[in-house]
């Protein structure tokens, strides 16, 4: 399957469906599927955007990129969730009192 939009390559790699497929399944949901993503998905999405841009520069075709992006998404989500590395981001619990170094 060829995706017209690069955004949909990322959507399929991470969420398993295009924006149009999501909209059809959730017609009354406000916003778009990315608006409903959790913090782990948003972190991975940001990483996938960079990874995809590098693969585009190297001339890799869309199918190859989709497979690599999906593999990376699964690996990164698994690692983030198991490590708890993003805990506190959604709740706003950030700063030195929560184990993060102060910004200098």
Protein backbone atom coordinates (compact mmCIF):
# COMPACT_ATOMS: atom_id res chain seq x y z
CA UNK A 1 0.00 0.00 0.00
CA UNK A 2 1.39 3.41 -0.94
CA UNK A 3 0.61 6.33 1.38
CA UNK A 4 0.13 9.72 -0.25
CA UNK A 5 1.24 11.66 2.79
CA UNK A 6 4.46 11.15 4.71
CA UNK A 7 2.45 11.83 7.86
CA UNK A 8 0.43 8.71 7.14
CA UNK A 9 3.60 6.63 6.85
CA UNK A 10 4.34 7.69 10.43
CA UNK A 11 0.71 7.17 11.48
CA UNK A 12 0.66 3.62 10.13
CA UNK A 13 4.06 2.80 11.63
CA UNK A 14 3.03 3.96 15.09
CA UNK A 15 -0.77 3.73 15.30
CA UNK A 16 -1.47 1.06 12.69
CA UNK A 17 -3.80 3.20 10.58
CA UNK A 18 -3.93 6.32 8.43
CA UNK A 19 -5.54 9.55 9.60
CA UNK A 20 -8.54 8.89 7.33
CA UNK A 21 -8.97 5.37 8.73
CA UNK A 22 -8.87 6.76 12.28
CA UNK A 23 -11.40 9.48 11.43
CA UNK A 24 -13.74 6.90 9.89
CA UNK A 25 -13.51 4.73 13.00
CA UNK A 26 -13.93 7.67 15.44
CA UNK A 27 -16.06 10.21 13.56
CA UNK A 28 -17.17 12.09 16.68
CA UNK A 29 -13.78 12.33 18.34
CA UNK A 30 -12.42 15.87 18.55
CA UNK A 31 -9.09 16.64 16.91
CA UNK A 32 -7.00 14.00 15.21
CA UNK A 33 -5.43 10.73 16.31
CA UNK A 34 -2.23 12.43 17.39
CA UNK A 35 -4.26 14.62 19.75
CA UNK A 36 -5.32 11.40 21.49
CA UNK A 37 -1.83 9.88 21.71
CA UNK A 38 -0.25 9.24 25.09
CA UNK A 39 3.11 10.69 26.13
CA UNK A 40 4.99 7.55 25.09
CA UNK A 41 3.47 7.63 21.61
CA UNK A 42 4.27 11.33 21.25
CA UNK A 43 7.91 10.78 22.20
CA UNK A 44 8.22 7.89 19.74
CA UNK A 45 6.45 9.91 17.03
CA UNK A 46 9.03 12.68 17.39
CA UNK A 47 11.83 10.13 17.08
CA UNK A 48 10.18 8.50 14.06
CA UNK A 49 9.91 11.86 12.29
CA UNK A 50 13.67 12.33 12.53
CA UNK A 51 14.40 8.72 11.58
CA UNK A 52 12.08 8.95 8.56
CA UNK A 53 13.72 12.18 7.37
CA UNK A 54 17.12 10.48 7.46
CA UNK A 55 15.82 7.49 5.51
CA UNK A 56 14.24 9.80 2.91
CA UNK A 57 17.62 11.55 2.51
CA UNK A 58 19.23 8.15 1.91
CA UNK A 59 16.68 7.41 -0.81
CA UNK A 60 14.94 4.46 0.85
CA UNK A 61 11.55 3.63 -0.62
CA UNK A 62 8.35 4.07 1.34
CA UNK A 63 7.76 0.36 1.99
CA UNK A 64 11.25 -0.11 3.40
CA UNK A 65 10.86 2.99 5.57
CA UNK A 66 7.46 1.85 6.86
CA UNK A 67 8.89 -1.51 7.94
CA UNK A 68 11.87 0.13 9.67
CA UNK A 69 9.67 2.77 11.31
CA UNK A 70 7.22 0.16 12.61
CA UNK A 71 10.06 -1.91 14.04
CA UNK A 72 11.56 1.19 15.70
CA UNK A 73 8.16 2.25 17.07
CA UNK A 74 7.56 -1.13 18.69
CA UNK A 75 11.05 -1.24 20.19
CA UNK A 76 10.93 2.32 21.50
CA UNK A 77 7.43 2.01 22.97
CA UNK A 78 8.43 -1.18 24.74
CA UNK A 79 11.56 0.39 26.20
CA UNK A 80 9.83 3.60 27.27
CA UNK A 81 6.96 1.80 28.95
CA UNK A 82 9.14 -0.76 30.73
CA UNK A 83 11.63 1.86 31.93
CA UNK A 84 9.05 4.39 33.09
CA UNK A 85 11.35 7.04 31.60
CA UNK A 86 8.47 9.33 30.64
CA UNK A 87 6.58 9.11 33.92
CA UNK A 88 5.80 12.57 35.20
CA UNK A 89 5.68 14.21 31.79
CA UNK A 90 1.90 13.92 31.41
CA UNK A 91 1.20 14.97 34.99
CA UNK A 92 3.62 17.89 34.86
CA UNK A 93 5.74 16.50 37.71
CA UNK A 94 9.02 17.86 36.45
CA UNK A 95 12.00 19.59 37.95
CA UNK A 96 14.77 18.93 40.49
CA UNK A 97 12.34 17.75 43.17
CA UNK A 98 11.39 14.89 40.85
CA UNK A 99 14.89 13.70 40.05
CA UNK A 100 15.59 15.96 37.09
CA UNK A 101 18.55 18.33 37.10
CA UNK A 102 17.79 22.06 37.16
CA UNK A 103 18.05 23.99 33.92
CA UNK A 104 21.10 26.26 34.04
